[in-house]
N, C-alpha and C. Protein backbone atom coordinates (compact mmCIF):
# COMPACT_ATOMS: atom_id res chain seq x y z
N UNK A 1 -9.19 -6.14 -0.38
CA UNK A 1 -8.20 -4.96 -0.05
C UNK A 1 -8.22 -3.94 -1.44
N UNK A 2 -8.80 -2.78 -1.07
CA UNK A 2 -8.92 -1.94 -2.25
C UNK A 2 -7.61 -1.30 -2.68
N UNK A 3 -7.35 -0.56 -3.36
CA UNK A 3 -6.25 0.08 -4.53
C UNK A 3 -5.50 0.86 -3.10
N UNK A 4 -6.89 1.73 -2.88
CA UNK A 4 -6.10 2.84 -1.41
C UNK A 4 -5.66 2.24 -0.10
N UNK A 5 -6.33 0.82 0.03
CA UNK A 5 -5.58 -0.10 1.33
C UNK A 5 -4.31 -0.36 1.34
N UNK A 6 -4.42 -0.95 -0.74
CA UNK A 6 -2.62 -1.27 -0.88
C UNK A 6 -1.79 -0.02 -0.86
N UNK A 7 -2.24 0.74 -1.45
CA UNK A 7 -1.02 1.94 -1.26
C UNK A 7 -0.98 2.42 0.34
N UNK A 8 -1.91 2.62 1.19
CA UNK A 8 -1.52 2.69 2.50
C UNK A 8 -0.62 1.71 3.29
N UNK A 9 -0.93 0.94 2.69
CA UNK A 9 0.00 -0.63 3.63
C UNK A 9 1.39 -0.24 2.87
N UNK A 10 1.49 0.08 1.94
CA UNK A 10 2.75 -0.21 1.39
C UNK A 10 3.60 1.20 1.86
N UNK A 11 2.83 2.08 2.26
CA UNK A 11 3.75 3.57 2.62
C UNK A 11 3.86 3.16 4.38
N UNK A 12 3.17 2.10 4.85
CA UNK A 12 3.16 1.67 6.19
C UNK A 12 4.15 1.04 6.41
N UNK A 13 4.46 -0.25 5.23
CA UNK A 13 5.76 -0.87 5.42
C UNK A 13 7.19 -0.61 4.83
N UNK A 14 6.80 0.76 4.15
CA UNK A 14 7.90 1.37 3.77
C UNK A 14 8.59 2.39 3.52
N UNK A 15 7.89 3.21 4.68
CA UNK A 15 7.79 4.82 4.89
C UNK A 15 9.16 5.60 4.20
N UNK A 16 10.34 4.84 4.08
CA UNK A 16 11.40 5.75 3.77
C UNK A 16 11.72 5.71 2.13
N UNK A 17 11.04 4.75 1.62
CA UNK A 17 11.06 4.73 0.26
C UNK A 17 10.50 5.95 -0.47
N UNK A 18 11.42 6.44 -1.46
CA UNK A 18 10.88 7.74 -2.45
C UNK A 18 9.95 7.06 -3.39
N UNK A 19 9.03 7.38 -3.48
CA UNK A 19 7.88 7.00 -4.59
C UNK A 19 7.99 8.11 -5.65
N UNK A 20 7.87 7.63 -7.03
CA UNK A 20 7.77 8.64 -7.72
C UNK A 20 6.19 8.23 -8.66
N UNK A 21 5.90 6.95 -8.65
CA UNK A 21 4.44 7.31 -9.59
C UNK A 21 4.10 5.59 -8.92
N UNK A 22 2.77 5.60 -9.15
CA UNK A 22 2.00 4.09 -8.72
C UNK A 22 1.04 3.97 -9.65
N UNK A 23 0.75 2.71 -9.80
CA UNK A 23 -0.44 2.66 -10.80
C UNK A 23 -1.28 0.94 -10.18
N UNK A 24 -2.51 0.71 -10.53
CA UNK A 24 -3.04 -0.44 -10.27
C UNK A 24 -2.58 -1.02 -11.34
N UNK A 25 -2.07 -2.84 -10.78
CA UNK A 25 -2.00 -3.98 -11.65
C UNK A 25 -2.91 -4.34 -12.20
N UNK A 26 -2.83 -4.46 -13.48
CA UNK A 26 -3.97 -5.29 -14.70
C UNK A 26 -3.99 -6.85 -13.99
N UNK A 27 -5.18 -7.32 -13.68
CA UNK A 27 -5.43 -8.39 -13.09
C UNK A 27 -5.80 -9.26 -13.99
N UNK A 28 -5.73 -9.65 -15.30
CA UNK A 28 -6.03 -9.89 -16.09
C UNK A 28 -4.34 -10.53 -16.72
N UNK A 29 -3.62 -9.78 -16.67
CA UNK A 29 -2.11 -10.27 -17.11
C UNK A 29 -1.66 -10.55 -15.88
N UNK A 30 -1.60 -10.07 -14.42
CA UNK A 30 -1.14 -11.10 -13.78
C UNK A 30 -1.33 -11.98 -13.02
N UNK A 31 -1.43 -11.92 -11.53
CA UNK A 31 -2.25 -12.29 -10.27
C UNK A 31 -3.99 -12.24 -10.61
N UNK A 32 -4.65 -12.69 -10.62
CA UNK A 32 -6.18 -12.93 -10.36
C UNK A 32 -6.34 -13.13 -8.73
N UNK A 33 -7.41 -12.29 -8.53
CA UNK A 33 -8.20 -12.70 -6.97
C UNK A 33 -7.08 -11.96 -6.27
N UNK A 34 -6.07 -11.04 -6.73
CA UNK A 34 -5.32 -10.18 -5.49
C UNK A 34 -5.21 -8.77 -5.98
N UNK A 35 -4.79 -7.94 -5.15
CA UNK A 35 -4.68 -6.58 -5.74
C UNK A 35 -3.37 -6.35 -5.15
N UNK A 36 -2.75 -5.27 -6.03
CA UNK A 36 -1.65 -5.14 -6.43
C UNK A 36 -1.30 -3.72 -6.93
N UNK A 37 -0.27 -3.48 -7.13
CA UNK A 37 0.50 -2.00 -7.76
C UNK A 37 1.73 -1.87 -8.54
N UNK A 38 1.64 -1.45 -9.25
CA UNK A 38 3.12 -1.20 -9.95
C UNK A 38 3.38 0.43 -9.37
N UNK A 39 5.20 0.28 -9.08
CA UNK A 39 5.48 1.52 -8.16
C UNK A 39 6.61 1.53 -8.81
N UNK A 40 6.91 2.91 -9.42
CA UNK A 40 7.97 3.30 -9.52
C UNK A 40 8.98 4.19 -9.02
N UNK A 41 10.15 4.20 -8.47
CA UNK A 41 10.96 4.56 -7.47
C UNK A 41 11.44 5.80 -7.98
N UNK A 42 11.81 7.04 -7.02
CA UNK A 42 12.69 8.23 -7.87
C UNK A 42 13.84 7.43 -8.35
N UNK A 43 14.64 6.61 -7.65
CA UNK A 43 16.05 6.19 -8.10
C UNK A 43 15.82 5.70 -9.07
N UNK A 44 14.71 4.97 -9.76
CA UNK A 44 14.55 4.62 -11.12
C UNK A 44 14.15 3.08 -11.18
N UNK A 45 14.14 2.40 -9.86
CA UNK A 45 13.65 1.23 -9.79
C UNK A 45 12.28 0.97 -9.68
N UNK A 46 11.78 -0.23 -10.21
CA UNK A 46 10.11 -0.25 -10.34
C UNK A 46 10.09 -1.67 -9.56
N UNK A 47 9.06 -1.67 -8.65
CA UNK A 47 8.31 -2.71 -7.89
C UNK A 47 7.10 -3.31 -8.24
N UNK A 48 6.77 -4.40 -8.14
CA UNK A 48 5.78 -4.71 -8.08
C UNK A 48 5.43 -5.31 -6.97
N UNK A 49 3.97 -4.95 -6.21
CA UNK A 49 4.06 -4.81 -4.88
C UNK A 49 2.36 -5.89 -4.96
N UNK A 50 2.33 -6.52 -3.87
CA UNK A 50 1.42 -7.58 -3.85
C UNK A 50 1.48 -7.51 -2.06
N UNK A 51 0.67 -7.05 -1.52
CA UNK A 51 0.90 -7.02 0.18
C UNK A 51 0.01 -8.07 0.44
N UNK A 52 0.02 -9.01 1.57
CA UNK A 52 -0.47 -9.86 2.49
C UNK A 52 -1.75 -9.54 2.22
N UNK A 53 -2.68 -10.50 1.77
CA UNK A 53 -4.15 -10.19 2.35
C UNK A 53 -4.60 -10.52 3.71
N UNK A 54 -5.26 -9.64 4.24
CA UNK A 54 -5.70 -9.54 5.34
C UNK A 54 -7.00 -10.55 5.48
N UNK A 55 -7.17 -11.80 6.39
CA UNK A 55 -8.10 -12.18 6.51
C UNK A 55 -8.89 -11.95 7.01
N UNK A 56 -10.54 -12.23 6.42
CA UNK A 56 -11.98 -11.33 6.92
C UNK A 56 -12.31 -11.92 8.56
N UNK A 57 -12.74 -10.93 8.85
CA UNK A 57 -12.80 -11.21 10.48
C UNK A 57 -14.37 -11.22 10.50
N UNK A 58 -15.27 -12.55 10.78
CA UNK A 58 -16.94 -12.33 11.00
C UNK A 58 -17.04 -12.75 12.00
């Protein structure tokens, strides 16, 4: 999953959450083999988001 796909999935899953900023997560420090991002919300909360990985259809 690309970062853009991850961001799109977040907006689809949580359409009413007001995002202030977001950044990709550094894979070396957190979960390897997963795409995720850190999201800062307008209310001051911070979310670490790892969407469910889609299985490849071959």
